[in-house]
Amino acid sequence: MKKLIASLVLAGALTATATIAAERPKTVIHVINVRFKKEASKADIDKALNGAAEMAYPGLKRVWLKGIKNQIAEFPNMIVMEFESEDSLKKYAGSDAQKKWYTLYDKVRDESRTNDNTN
């Protein structure tokens, strides 16, 4: 009986692991760690952040603006964008949507670093 229970538990664990692996998203997470200019007003920073959130780009699925934890002291702010695929992120670079957003973002950005992640 113990062997049967152990086998069932193992089978359940393997099934759960396979399900989790199959459900891994293929989207790309684009993380921007940014330091805003000291002289930038809160209103201009908010315009830049809202511009990211409201960006009309077909490959952009979601934008997160509220960082919870960031260990990069010199870049205390984060903007996170989720793209449908690596290809949509590549096409975003230099697109009209990015250029339009940069008219707001470049006014307040002092310096930034990006990281891109996928499965």
PDB file of N, CA and C in Angstrom:
ATOM      1  N   MET A   1       0.823  -1.195   0.000  1.00  0.00           N
ATOM      2  CA  MET A   1       0.000   0.000   0.000  1.00  0.00           C
ATOM      3  C   MET A   1       0.870   1.264   0.000  1.00  0.00           C
ATOM      4  N   LYS A   2       1.967   1.241   0.788  1.00  0.00           N
ATOM      5  CA  LYS A   2       2.856   2.394   0.848  1.00  0.00           C
ATOM      6  C   LYS A   2       3.496   2.650  -0.507  1.00  0.00           C
ATOM      7  N   LYS A   3       3.858   1.566  -1.219  1.00  0.00           N
ATOM      8  CA  LYS A   3       4.461   1.719  -2.537  1.00  0.00           C
ATOM      9  C   LYS A   3       3.459   2.329  -3.524  1.00  0.00           C
ATOM     10  N   LEU A   4       2.201   1.928  -3.406  1.00  0.00           N
ATOM     11  CA  LEU A   4       1.169   2.468  -4.282  1.00  0.00           C
ATOM     12  C   LEU A   4       0.981   3.960  -4.034  1.00  0.00           C
ATOM     13  N   ILE A   5       0.934   4.356  -2.771  1.00  0.00           N
ATOM     14  CA  ILE A   5       0.773   5.770  -2.415  1.00  0.00           C
ATOM     15  C   ILE A   5       1.979   6.567  -2.893  1.00  0.00           C
ATOM     16  N   ALA A   6       3.179   6.028  -2.674  1.00  0.00           N
ATOM     17  CA  ALA A   6       4.392   6.707  -3.123  1.00  0.00           C
ATOM     18  C   ALA A   6       4.394   6.859  -4.643  1.00  0.00           C
ATOM     19  N   SER A   7       3.960   5.820  -5.357  1.00  0.00           N
ATOM     20  CA  SER A   7       3.895   5.883  -6.819  1.00  0.00           C
ATOM     21  C   SER A   7       2.893   6.927  -7.284  1.00  0.00           C
ATOM     22  N   LEU A   8       1.752   7.003  -6.608  1.00  0.00           N
ATOM     23  CA  LEU A   8       0.738   7.994  -6.968  1.00  0.00           C
ATOM     24  C   LEU A   8       1.229   9.417  -6.702  1.00  0.00           C
ATOM     25  N   VAL A   9       1.918   9.607  -5.573  1.00  0.00           N
ATOM     26  CA  VAL A   9       2.463  10.920  -5.253  1.00  0.00           C
ATOM     27  C   VAL A   9       3.511  11.316  -6.300  1.00  0.00           C
ATOM     28  N   LEU A  10       4.393  10.401  -6.644  1.00  0.00           N
ATOM     29  CA  LEU A  10       5.419  10.661  -7.651  1.00  0.00           C
ATOM     30  C   LEU A  10       4.778  10.973  -9.007  1.00  0.00           C
ATOM     31  N   ALA A  11       3.777  10.200  -9.393  1.00  0.00           N
ATOM     32  CA  ALA A  11       3.094  10.436 -10.666  1.00  0.00           C
ATOM     33  C   ALA A  11       2.436  11.816 -10.664  1.00  0.00           C
ATOM     34  N   GLY A  12       1.837  12.173  -9.553  1.00  0.00           N
ATOM     35  CA  GLY A  12       1.210  13.493  -9.444  1.00  0.00           C
ATOM     36  C   GLY A  12       2.234  14.607  -9.540  1.00  0.00           C
ATOM     37  N   ALA A  13       3.369  14.428  -8.896  1.00  0.00           N
ATOM     38  CA  ALA A  13       4.426  15.441  -8.933  1.00  0.00           C
ATOM     39  C   ALA A  13       4.978  15.590 -10.349  1.00  0.00           C
ATOM     40  N   LEU A  14       5.190  14.480 -11.030  1.00  0.00           N
ATOM     41  CA  LEU A  14       5.691  14.541 -12.408  1.00  0.00           C
ATOM     42  C   LEU A  14       4.686  15.200 -13.340  1.00  0.00           C
ATOM     43  N   THR A  15       3.413  14.898 -13.146  1.00  0.00           N
ATOM     44  CA  THR A  15       2.370  15.513 -13.963  1.00  0.00           C
ATOM     45  C   THR A  15       2.325  17.016 -13.723  1.00  0.00           C
ATOM     46  N   ALA A  16       2.415  17.428 -12.468  1.00  0.00           N
ATOM     47  CA  ALA A  16       2.404  18.858 -12.131  1.00  0.00           C
ATOM     48  C   ALA A  16       3.614  19.562 -12.741  1.00  0.00           C
ATOM     49  N   THR A  17       4.778  18.923 -12.664  1.00  0.00           N
ATOM     50  CA  THR A  17       5.993  19.505 -13.241  1.00  0.00           C
ATOM     51  C   THR A  17       5.859  19.649 -14.748  1.00  0.00           C
ATOM     52  N   ALA A  18       5.342  18.643 -15.409  1.00  0.00           N
ATOM     53  CA  ALA A  18       5.160  18.698 -16.864  1.00  0.00           C
ATOM     54  C   ALA A  18       4.158  19.780 -17.238  1.00  0.00           C
ATOM     55  N   THR A  19       3.098  19.931 -16.450  1.00  0.00           N
ATOM     56  CA  THR A  19       2.087  20.960 -16.716  1.00  0.00           C
ATOM     57  C   THR A  19       2.682  22.348 -16.559  1.00  0.00           C
ATOM     58  N   ILE A  20       3.454  22.562 -15.506  1.00  0.00           N
ATOM     59  CA  ILE A  20       4.080  23.863 -15.274  1.00  0.00           C
ATOM     60  C   ILE A  20       5.032  24.190 -16.418  1.00  0.00           C
ATOM     61  N   ALA A  21       5.839  23.228 -16.846  1.00  0.00           N
ATOM     62  CA  ALA A  21       6.787  23.447 -17.946  1.00  0.00           C
ATOM     63  C   ALA A  21       6.042  23.763 -19.243  1.00  0.00           C
ATOM     64  N   ALA A  22       4.928  23.093 -19.488  1.00  0.00           N
ATOM     65  CA  ALA A  22       4.169  23.326 -20.710  1.00  0.00           C
ATOM     66  C   ALA A  22       3.509  24.695 -20.706  1.00  0.00           C
ATOM     67  N   GLU A  23       3.253  25.251 -19.532  1.00  0.00           N
ATOM     68  CA  GLU A  23       2.560  26.527 -19.423  1.00  0.00           C
ATOM     69  C   GLU A  23       3.504  27.721 -19.364  1.00  0.00           C
ATOM     70  N   ARG A  24       4.781  27.507 -19.475  1.00  0.00           N
ATOM     71  CA  ARG A  24       5.723  28.630 -19.446  1.00  0.00           C
ATOM     72  C   ARG A  24       5.433  29.562 -20.620  1.00  0.00           C
ATOM     73  N   PRO A  25       5.277  30.836 -20.336  1.00  0.00           N
ATOM     74  CA  PRO A  25       4.974  31.765 -21.428  1.00  0.00           C
ATOM     75  C   PRO A  25       6.170  31.980 -22.338  1.00  0.00           C
ATOM     76  N   LYS A  26       5.889  32.324 -23.559  1.00  0.00           N
ATOM     77  CA  LYS A  26       6.936  32.608 -24.545  1.00  0.00           C
ATOM     78  C   LYS A  26       7.089  34.118 -24.754  1.00  0.00           C
ATOM     79  N   THR A  27       6.397  34.881 -23.921  1.00  0.00           N
ATOM     80  CA  THR A  27       6.529  36.329 -24.028  1.00  0.00           C
ATOM     81  C   THR A  27       7.915  36.762 -23.553  1.00  0.00           C
ATOM     82  N   VAL A  28       8.246  38.022 -23.811  1.00  0.00           N
ATOM     83  CA  VAL A  28       9.529  38.581 -23.410  1.00  0.00           C
ATOM     84  C   VAL A  28       9.261  39.707 -22.415  1.00  0.00           C
ATOM     85  N   ILE A  29       9.979  39.672 -21.311  1.00  0.00           N
ATOM     86  CA  ILE A  29       9.877  40.714 -20.296  1.00  0.00           C
ATOM     87  C   ILE A  29      11.071  41.649 -20.483  1.00  0.00           C
ATOM     88  N   HIS A  30      10.762  42.920 -20.719  1.00  0.00           N
ATOM     89  CA  HIS A  30      11.758  43.962 -20.954  1.00  0.00           C
ATOM     90  C   HIS A  30      11.765  44.859 -19.708  1.00  0.00           C
ATOM     91  N   VAL A  31      12.828  44.774 -18.927  1.00  0.00           N
ATOM     92  CA  VAL A  31      12.928  45.522 -17.673  1.00  0.00           C
ATOM     93  C   VAL A  31      13.835  46.731 -17.890  1.00  0.00           C
ATOM     94  N   ILE A  32      13.315  47.899 -17.564  1.00  0.00           N
ATOM     95  CA  ILE A  32      14.087  49.135 -17.668  1.00  0.00           C
ATOM     96  C   ILE A  32      14.314  49.660 -16.256  1.00  0.00           C
ATOM     97  N   ASN A  33      15.550  49.677 -15.819  1.00  0.00           N
ATOM     98  CA  ASN A  33      15.909  50.304 -14.547  1.00  0.00           C
ATOM     99  C   ASN A  33      16.366  51.709 -14.893  1.00  0.00           C
ATOM    100  N   VAL A  34      15.754  52.692 -14.280  1.00  0.00           N
ATOM    101  CA  VAL A  34      16.005  54.073 -14.697  1.00  0.00           C
ATOM    102  C   VAL A  34      16.254  54.994 -13.508  1.00  0.00           C
ATOM    103  N   ARG A  35      17.118  55.951 -13.762  1.00  0.00           N
ATOM    104  CA  ARG A  35      17.331  57.059 -12.821  1.00  0.00           C
ATOM    105  C   ARG A  35      16.821  58.302 -13.544  1.00  0.00           C
ATOM    106  N   PHE A  36      15.877  58.979 -12.931  1.00  0.00           N
ATOM    107  CA  PHE A  36      15.347  60.192 -13.525  1.00  0.00           C
ATOM    108  C   PHE A  36      16.236  61.382 -13.188  1.00  0.00           C
ATOM    109  N   LYS A  37      16.190  62.391 -14.032  1.00  0.00           N
ATOM    110  CA  LYS A  37      16.964  63.608 -13.798  1.00  0.00           C
ATOM    111  C   LYS A  37      16.501  64.264 -12.490  1.00  0.00           C
ATOM    112  N   LYS A  38      17.456  64.799 -11.756  1.00  0.00           N
ATOM    113  CA  LYS A  38      17.130  65.455 -10.481  1.00  0.00           C
ATOM    114  C   LYS A  38      16.161  66.606 -10.679  1.00  0.00           C
ATOM    115  N   GLU A  39      16.315  67.325 -11.774  1.00  0.00           N
ATOM    116  CA  GLU A  39      15.478  68.503 -12.011  1.00  0.00           C
ATOM    117  C   GLU A  39      14.130  68.169 -12.660  1.00  0.00           C
ATOM    118  N   ALA A  40      13.904  66.899 -12.982  1.00  0.00           N
ATOM    119  CA  ALA A  40      12.637  66.504 -13.612  1.00  0.00           C
ATOM    120  C   ALA A  40      11.485  66.659 -12.626  1.00  0.00           C
ATOM    121  N   SER A  41      10.416  67.251 -13.096  1.00  0.00           N
ATOM    122  CA  SER A  41       9.245  67.434 -12.221  1.00  0.00           C
ATOM    123  C   SER A  41       8.473  66.123 -12.115  1.00  0.00           C
ATOM    124  N   LYS A  42       7.736  65.983 -11.030  1.00  0.00           N
ATOM    125  CA  LYS A  42       6.906  64.794 -10.844  1.00  0.00           C
ATOM    126  C   LYS A  42       5.883  64.698 -11.979  1.00  0.00           C
ATOM    127  N   ALA A  43       5.363  65.834 -12.405  1.00  0.00           N
ATOM    128  CA  ALA A  43       4.374  65.839 -13.492  1.00  0.00           C
ATOM    129  C   ALA A  43       4.976  65.292 -14.785  1.00  0.00           C
ATOM    130  N   ASP A  44       6.207  65.688 -15.106  1.00  0.00           N
ATOM    131  CA  ASP A  44       6.850  65.196 -16.325  1.00  0.00           C
ATOM    132  C   ASP A  44       7.211  63.719 -16.215  1.00  0.00           C
ATOM    133  N   ILE A  45       7.630  63.291 -15.022  1.00  0.00           N
ATOM    134  CA  ILE A  45       7.908  61.859 -14.805  1.00  0.00           C
ATOM    135  C   ILE A  45       6.621  61.059 -14.972  1.00  0.00           C
ATOM    136  N   ASP A  46       5.529  61.544 -14.383  1.00  0.00           N
ATOM    137  CA  ASP A  46       4.238  60.858 -14.515  1.00  0.00           C
ATOM    138  C   ASP A  46       3.797  60.784 -15.978  1.00  0.00           C
ATOM    139  N   LYS A  47       4.025  61.857 -16.750  1.00  0.00           N
ATOM    140  CA  LYS A  47       3.687  61.838 -18.179  1.00  0.00           C
ATOM    141  C   LYS A  47       4.475  60.751 -18.902  1.00  0.00           C
ATOM    142  N   ALA A  48       5.754  60.634 -18.584  1.00  0.00           N
ATOM    143  CA  ALA A  48       6.593  59.622 -19.229  1.00  0.00           C
ATOM    144  C   ALA A  48       6.129  58.215 -18.850  1.00  0.00           C
ATOM    145  N   LEU A  49       5.834  58.005 -17.577  1.00  0.00           N
ATOM    146  CA  LEU A  49       5.370  56.690 -17.127  1.00  0.00           C
ATOM    147  C   LEU A  49       4.022  56.347 -17.749  1.00  0.00           C
ATOM    148  N   ASN A  50       3.106  57.300 -17.741  1.00  0.00           N
ATOM    149  CA  ASN A  50       1.798  57.057 -18.352  1.00  0.00           C
ATOM    150  C   ASN A  50       1.916  56.845 -19.851  1.00  0.00           C
ATOM    151  N   GLY A  51       2.877  57.523 -20.470  1.00  0.00           N
ATOM    152  CA  GLY A  51       3.112  57.311 -21.897  1.00  0.00           C
ATOM    153  C   GLY A  51       3.528  55.880 -22.192  1.00  0.00           C
ATOM    154  N   ALA A  52       4.322  55.303 -21.310  1.00  0.00           N
ATOM    155  CA  ALA A  52       4.711  53.892 -21.475  1.00  0.00           C
ATOM    156  C   ALA A  52       3.492  52.989 -21.320  1.00  0.00           C
ATOM    157  N   ALA A  53       2.685  53.274 -20.298  1.00  0.00           N
ATOM    158  CA  ALA A  53       1.515  52.435 -20.017  1.00  0.00           C
ATOM    159  C   ALA A  53       0.463  52.522 -21.118  1.00  0.00           C
ATOM    160  N   GLU A  54       0.389  53.668 -21.783  1.00  0.00           N
ATOM    161  CA  GLU A  54      -0.645  53.885 -22.791  1.00  0.00           C
ATOM    162  C   GLU A  54      -0.135  53.690 -24.218  1.00  0.00           C
ATOM    163  N   MET A  55       1.085  53.233 -24.361  1.00  0.00           N
ATOM    164  CA  MET A  55       1.695  53.090 -25.679  1.00  0.00           C
ATOM    165  C   MET A  55       0.886  52.139 -26.563  1.00  0.00           C
ATOM    166  N   ALA A  56       0.622  52.600 -27.765  1.00  0.00           N
ATOM    167  CA  ALA A  56      -0.101  51.772 -28.727  1.00  0.00           C
ATOM    168  C   ALA A  56       0.923  51.082 -29.625  1.00  0.00           C
ATOM    169  N   TYR A  57       1.250  49.855 -29.260  1.00  0.00           N
ATOM    170  CA  TYR A  57       2.171  49.058 -30.065  1.00  0.00           C
ATOM    171  C   TYR A  57       1.610  47.646 -30.109  1.00  0.00           C
ATOM    172  N   PRO A  58       1.420  47.066 -31.290  1.00  0.00           N
ATOM    173  CA  PRO A  58       0.725  45.779 -31.390  1.00  0.00           C
ATOM    174  C   PRO A  58       1.391  44.622 -30.652  1.00  0.00           C
ATOM    175  N   GLY A  59       2.692  44.610 -30.499  1.00  0.00           N
ATOM    176  CA  GLY A  59       3.357  43.494 -29.826  1.00  0.00           C
ATOM    177  C   GLY A  59       3.500  43.670 -28.324  1.00  0.00           C
ATOM    178  N   LEU A  60       3.058  44.804 -27.805  1.00  0.00           N
ATOM    179  CA  LEU A  60       3.171  45.089 -26.375  1.00  0.00           C
ATOM    180  C   LEU A  60       1.909  44.623 -25.670  1.00  0.00           C
ATOM    181  N   LYS A  61       2.083  43.693 -24.721  1.00  0.00           N
ATOM    182  CA  LYS A  61       0.931  43.123 -24.023  1.00  0.00           C
ATOM    183  C   LYS A  61       0.600  43.849 -22.722  1.00  0.00           C
ATOM    184  N   ARG A  62       1.625  44.129 -21.900  1.00  0.00           N
ATOM    185  CA  ARG A  62       1.400  44.717 -20.581  1.00  0.00           C
ATOM    186  C   ARG A  62       2.568  45.626 -20.221  1.00  0.00           C
ATOM    187  N   VAL A  63       2.278  46.593 -19.325  1.00  0.00           N
ATOM    188  CA  VAL A  63       3.312  47.473 -18.782  1.00  0.00           C
ATOM    189  C   VAL A  63       3.078  47.575 -17.281  1.00  0.00           C
ATOM    190  N   TRP A  64       4.169  47.399 -16.520  1.00  0.00           N
ATOM    191  CA  TRP A  64       4.122  47.563 -15.069  1.00  0.00           C
ATOM    192  C   TRP A  64       4.970  48.772 -14.693  1.00  0.00           C
ATOM    193  N   LEU A  65       4.453  49.591 -13.781  1.00  0.00           N
ATOM    194  CA  LEU A  65       5.137  50.827 -13.407  1.00  0.00           C
ATOM    195  C   LEU A  65       5.472  50.916 -11.924  1.00  0.00           C
ATOM    196  N   LYS A  66       4.895  50.051 -11.141  1.00  0.00           N
ATOM    197  CA  LYS A  66       5.074  50.130  -9.695  1.00  0.00           C
ATOM    198  C   LYS A  66       6.072  49.067  -9.231  1.00  0.00           C
ATOM    199  N   GLY A  67       7.297  49.505  -8.990  1.00  0.00           N
ATOM    200  CA  GLY A  67       8.308  48.576  -8.494  1.00  0.00           C
ATOM    201  C   GLY A  67       8.037  48.231  -7.038  1.00  0.00           C
ATOM    202  N   ILE A  68       8.265  46.998  -6.681  1.00  0.00           N
ATOM    203  CA  ILE A  68       8.091  46.559  -5.305  1.00  0.00           C
ATOM    204  C   ILE A  68       9.441  46.414  -4.619  1.00  0.00           C
ATOM    205  N   LYS A  69      10.407  45.840  -5.338  1.00  0.00           N
ATOM    206  CA  LYS A  69      11.742  45.650  -4.779  1.00  0.00           C
ATOM    207  C   LYS A  69      12.754  45.860  -5.897  1.00  0.00           C
ATOM    208  N   ASN A  70      13.759  46.651  -5.603  1.00  0.00           N
ATOM    209  CA  ASN A  70      14.808  46.919  -6.577  1.00  0.00           C
ATOM    210  C   ASN A  70      16.121  47.041  -5.812  1.00  0.00           C
ATOM    211  N   GLN A  71      17.082  46.221  -6.128  1.00  0.00           N
ATOM    212  CA  GLN A  71      18.365  46.239  -5.429  1.00  0.00           C
ATOM    213  C   GLN A  71      19.432  47.044  -6.169  1.00  0.00           C
ATOM    214  N   ILE A  72      19.037  47.777  -7.187  1.00  0.00           N
ATOM    215  CA  ILE A  72      19.987  48.580  -7.943  1.00  0.00           C
ATOM    216  C   ILE A  72      19.820  50.037  -7.485  1.00  0.00           C
ATOM    217  N   ALA A  73      20.569  50.419  -6.473  1.00  0.00           N
ATOM    218  CA  ALA A  73      20.390  51.719  -5.832  1.00  0.00           C
ATOM    219  C   ALA A  73      20.563  52.881  -6.795  1.00  0.00           C
ATOM    220  N   GLU A  74      21.488  52.767  -7.728  1.00  0.00           N
ATOM    221  CA  GLU A  74      21.732  53.893  -8.633  1.00  0.00           C
ATOM    222  C   GLU A  74      20.658  54.052  -9.713  1.00  0.00           C
ATOM    223  N   PHE A  75      19.783  53.049  -9.849  1.00  0.00           N
ATOM    224  CA  PHE A  75      18.657  53.108 -10.788  1.00  0.00           C
ATOM    225  C   PHE A  75      17.395  52.687 -10.029  1.00  0.00           C
ATOM    226  N   PRO A  76      16.842  53.593  -9.217  1.00  0.00           N
ATOM    227  CA  PRO A  76      15.790  53.224  -8.273  1.00  0.00           C
ATOM    228  C   PRO A  76      14.396  53.016  -8.859  1.00  0.00           C
ATOM    229  N   ASN A  77      14.180  53.342 -10.118  1.00  0.00           N
ATOM    230  CA  ASN A  77      12.854  53.227 -10.721  1.00  0.00           C
ATOM    231  C   ASN A  77      12.842  52.143 -11.788  1.00  0.00           C
ATOM    232  N   MET A  78      11.679  51.515 -11.976  1.00  0.00           N
ATOM    233  CA  MET A  78      11.559  50.455 -12.970  1.00  0.00           C
ATOM    234  C   MET A  78      10.338  50.657 -13.844  1.00  0.00           C
ATOM    235  N   ILE A  79      10.501  50.307 -15.094  1.00  0.00           N
ATOM    236  CA  ILE A  79       9.399  50.189 -16.039  1.00  0.00           C
ATOM    237  C   ILE A  79       9.561  48.792 -16.628  1.00  0.00           C
ATOM    238  N   VAL A  80       8.500  48.013 -16.603  1.00  0.00           N
ATOM    239  CA  VAL A  80       8.574  46.646 -17.124  1.00  0.00           C
ATOM    240  C   VAL A  80       7.538  46.496 -18.232  1.00  0.00           C
ATOM    241  N   MET A  81       7.987  46.022 -19.371  1.00  0.00           N
ATOM    242  CA  MET A  81       7.112  45.820 -20.527  1.00  0.00           C
ATOM    243  C   MET A  81       7.117  44.352 -20.908  1.00  0.00           C
ATOM    244  N   GLU A  82       5.950  43.834 -21.219  1.00  0.00           N
ATOM    245  CA  GLU A  82       5.840  42.450 -21.684  1.00  0.00           C
ATOM    246  C   GLU A  82       5.479  42.464 -23.169  1.00  0.00           C
ATOM    247  N   PHE A  83       6.331  41.840 -23.969  1.00  0.00           N
ATOM    248  CA  PHE A  83       6.111  41.745 -25.404  1.00  0.00           C
ATOM    249  C   PHE A  83       5.686  40.331 -25.770  1.00  0.00           C
ATOM    250  N   GLU A  84       4.948  40.195 -26.848  1.00  0.00           N
ATOM    251  CA  GLU A  84       4.437  38.894 -27.283  1.00  0.00           C
ATOM    252  C   GLU A  84       5.539  37.902 -27.615  1.00  0.00           C
ATOM    253  N   SER A  85       6.684  38.416 -28.100  1.00  0.00           N
ATOM    254  CA  SER A  85       7.754  37.519 -28.550  1.00  0.00           C
ATOM    255  C   SER A  85       9.058  38.298 -28.663  1.00  0.00           C
ATOM    256  N   GLU A  86      10.136  37.573 -28.880  1.00  0.00           N
ATOM    257  CA  GLU A  86      11.424  38.230 -29.128  1.00  0.00           C
ATOM    258  C   GLU A  86      11.346  39.086 -30.383  1.00  0.00           C
ATOM    259  N   ASP A  87      10.642  38.597 -31.385  1.00  0.00           N
ATOM    260  CA  ASP A  87      10.516  39.336 -32.632  1.00  0.00           C
ATOM    261  C   ASP A  87       9.785  40.663 -32.415  1.00  0.00           C
ATOM    262  N   SER A  88       8.721  40.654 -31.605  1.00  0.00           N
ATOM    263  CA  SER A  88       7.992  41.902 -31.382  1.00  0.00           C
ATOM    264  C   SER A  88       8.838  42.903 -30.600  1.00  0.00           C
ATOM    265  N   LEU A  89       9.687  42.425 -29.691  1.00  0.00           N
ATOM    266  CA  LEU A  89      10.599  43.335 -28.984  1.00  0.00           C
ATOM    267  C   LEU A  89      11.614  43.933 -29.959  1.00  0.00           C
ATOM    268  N   LYS A  90      12.158  43.096 -30.844  1.00  0.00           N
ATOM    269  CA  LYS A  90      13.125  43.591 -31.832  1.00  0.00           C
ATOM    270  C   LYS A  90      12.500  44.642 -32.742  1.00  0.00           C
ATOM    271  N   LYS A  91      11.258  44.409 -33.165  1.00  0.00           N
ATOM    272  CA  LYS A  91      10.573  45.356 -34.044  1.00  0.00           C
ATOM    273  C   LYS A  91      10.203  46.644 -33.310  1.00  0.00           C
ATOM    274  N   TYR A  92       9.995  46.557 -32.004  1.00  0.00           N
ATOM    275  CA  TYR A  92       9.668  47.732 -31.186  1.00  0.00           C
ATOM    276  C   TYR A  92      10.825  48.729 -31.182  1.00  0.00           C
ATOM    277  N   ALA A  93      12.051  48.222 -31.140  1.00  0.00           N
ATOM    278  CA  ALA A  93      13.232  49.096 -31.107  1.00  0.00           C
ATOM    279  C   ALA A  93      13.268  49.966 -32.358  1.00  0.00           C
ATOM    280  N   GLY A  94      13.178  51.265 -32.164  1.00  0.00           N
ATOM    281  CA  GLY A  94      13.195  52.199 -33.274  1.00  0.00           C
ATOM    282  C   GLY A  94      11.846  52.412 -33.945  1.00  0.00           C
ATOM    283  N   SER A  95      10.797  51.781 -33.425  1.00  0.00           N
ATOM    284  CA  SER A  95       9.464  51.934 -34.019  1.00  0.00           C
ATOM    285  C   SER A  95       8.902  53.326 -33.756  1.00  0.00           C
ATOM    286  N   ASP A  96       7.863  53.688 -34.492  1.00  0.00           N
ATOM    287  CA  ASP A  96       7.203  54.971 -34.282  1.00  0.00           C
ATOM    288  C   ASP A  96       6.651  55.075 -32.855  1.00  0.00           C
ATOM    289  N   ALA A  97       6.123  53.965 -32.327  1.00  0.00           N
ATOM    290  CA  ALA A  97       5.588  53.972 -30.966  1.00  0.00           C
ATOM    291  C   ALA A  97       6.686  54.285 -29.947  1.00  0.00           C
ATOM    292  N   GLN A  98       7.853  53.661 -30.110  1.00  0.00           N
ATOM    293  CA  GLN A  98       8.951  53.931 -29.194  1.00  0.00           C
ATOM    294  C   GLN A  98       9.423  55.378 -29.333  1.00  0.00           C
ATOM    295  N   LYS A  99       9.550  55.851 -30.555  1.00  0.00           N
ATOM    296  CA  LYS A  99       9.993  57.230 -30.779  1.00  0.00           C
ATOM    297  C   LYS A  99       9.028  58.227 -30.149  1.00  0.00           C
ATOM    298  N   LYS A 100       7.742  57.973 -30.269  1.00  0.00           N
ATOM    299  CA  LYS A 100       6.741  58.865 -29.671  1.00  0.00           C
ATOM    300  C   LYS A 100       6.872  58.870 -28.150  1.00  0.00           C
ATOM    301  N   TRP A 101       7.014  57.691 -27.563  1.00  0.00           N
ATOM    302  CA  TRP A 101       7.172  57.617 -26.108  1.00  0.00           C
ATOM    303  C   TRP A 101       8.463  58.306 -25.667  1.00  0.00           C
ATOM    304  N   TYR A 102       9.523  58.135 -26.433  1.00  0.00           N
ATOM    305  CA  TYR A 102      10.812  58.747 -26.074  1.00  0.00           C
ATOM    306  C   TYR A 102      10.751  60.279 -26.038  1.00  0.00           C
ATOM    307  N   THR A 103       9.807  60.890 -26.746  1.00  0.00           N
ATOM    308  CA  THR A 103       9.683  62.350 -26.648  1.00  0.00           C
ATOM    309  C   THR A 103       9.325  62.766 -25.220  1.00  0.00           C
ATOM    310  N   LEU A 104       8.636  61.906 -24.487  1.00  0.00           N
ATOM    311  CA  LEU A 104       8.307  62.162 -23.075  1.00  0.00           C
ATOM    312  C   LEU A 104       9.400  61.629 -22.149  1.00  0.00           C
ATOM    313  N   TYR A 105       9.849  60.437 -22.445  1.00  0.00           N
ATOM    314  CA  TYR A 105      10.793  59.719 -21.583  1.00  0.00           C
ATOM    315  C   TYR A 105      12.172  60.380 -21.551  1.00  0.00           C
ATOM    316  N   ASP A 106      12.674  60.784 -22.699  1.00  0.00           N
ATOM    317  CA  ASP A 106      14.019  61.379 -22.757  1.00  0.00           C
ATOM    318  C   ASP A 106      14.111  62.714 -22.010  1.00  0.00           C
ATOM    319  N   LYS A 107      12.994  63.384 -21.837  1.00  0.00           N
ATOM    320  CA  LYS A 107      12.991  64.646 -21.089  1.00  0.00           C
ATOM    321  C   LYS A 107      13.336  64.427 -19.612  1.00  0.00           C
ATOM    322  N   VAL A 108      12.991  63.260 -19.081  1.00  0.00           N
ATOM    323  CA  VAL A 108      13.151  63.020 -17.637  1.00  0.00           C
ATOM    324  C   VAL A 108      14.198  61.961 -17.306  1.00  0.00           C
ATOM    325  N   ARG A 109      14.615  61.179 -18.272  1.00  0.00           N
ATOM    326  CA  ARG A 109      15.570  60.094 -18.018  1.00  0.00           C
ATOM    327  C   ARG A 109      16.984  60.656 -17.930  1.00  0.00           C
ATOM    328  N   ASP A 110      17.646  60.319 -16.830  1.00  0.00           N
ATOM    329  CA  ASP A 110      19.061  60.655 -16.688  1.00  0.00           C
ATOM    330  C   ASP A 110      19.884  59.533 -17.308  1.00  0.00           C
ATOM    331  N   GLU A 111      19.635  58.316 -16.840  1.00  0.00           N
ATOM    332  CA  GLU A 111      20.352  57.147 -17.338  1.00  0.00           C
ATOM    333  C   GLU A 111      19.505  55.914 -17.054  1.00  0.00           C
ATOM    334  N   SER A 112      19.684  54.862 -17.859  1.00  0.00           N
ATOM    335  CA  SER A 112      18.911  53.637 -17.651  1.00  0.00           C
ATOM    336  C   SER A 112      19.708  52.418 -18.092  1.00  0.00           C
ATOM    337  N   ARG A 113      19.244  51.264 -17.627  1.00  0.00           N
ATOM    338  CA  ARG A 113      19.794  49.953 -18.011  1.00  0.00           C
ATOM    339  C   ARG A 113      18.610  49.046 -18.312  1.00  0.00           C
ATOM    340  N   THR A 114      18.758  48.169 -19.298  1.00  0.00           N
ATOM    341  CA  THR A 114      17.666  47.248 -19.625  1.00  0.00           C
ATOM    342  C   THR A 114      18.132  45.809 -19.547  1.00  0.00           C
ATOM    343  N   ASN A 115      17.156  44.937 -19.302  1.00  0.00           N
ATOM    344  CA  ASN A 115      17.357  43.486 -19.308  1.00  0.00           C
ATOM    345  C   ASN A 115      16.136  42.876 -19.991  1.00  0.00           C
ATOM    346  N   ASP A 116      16.355  41.843 -20.790  1.00  0.00           N
ATOM    347  CA  ASP A 116      15.259  41.150 -21.472  1.00  0.00           C
ATOM    348  C   ASP A 116      15.307  39.685 -21.077  1.00  0.00           C
ATOM    349  N   ASN A 117      14.120  39.136 -20.771  1.00  0.00           N
ATOM    350  CA  ASN A 117      14.033  37.763 -20.290  1.00  0.00           C
ATOM    351  C   ASN A 117      12.881  37.031 -20.966  1.00  0.00           C
ATOM    352  N   THR A 118      13.077  35.726 -21.222  1.00  0.00           N
ATOM    353  CA  THR A 118      12.033  34.874 -21.764  1.00  0.00           C
ATOM    354  C   THR A 118      12.307  33.442 -21.338  1.00  0.00           C
ATOM    355  N   ASN A 119      11.422  32.542 -21.723  1.00  0.00           N
ATOM    356  CA  ASN A 119      11.607  31.109 -21.450  1.00  0.00           C
ATOM    357  C   ASN A 119      12.159  30.404 -22.666  1.00  0.00           C
TER     358      ASN A 119
END
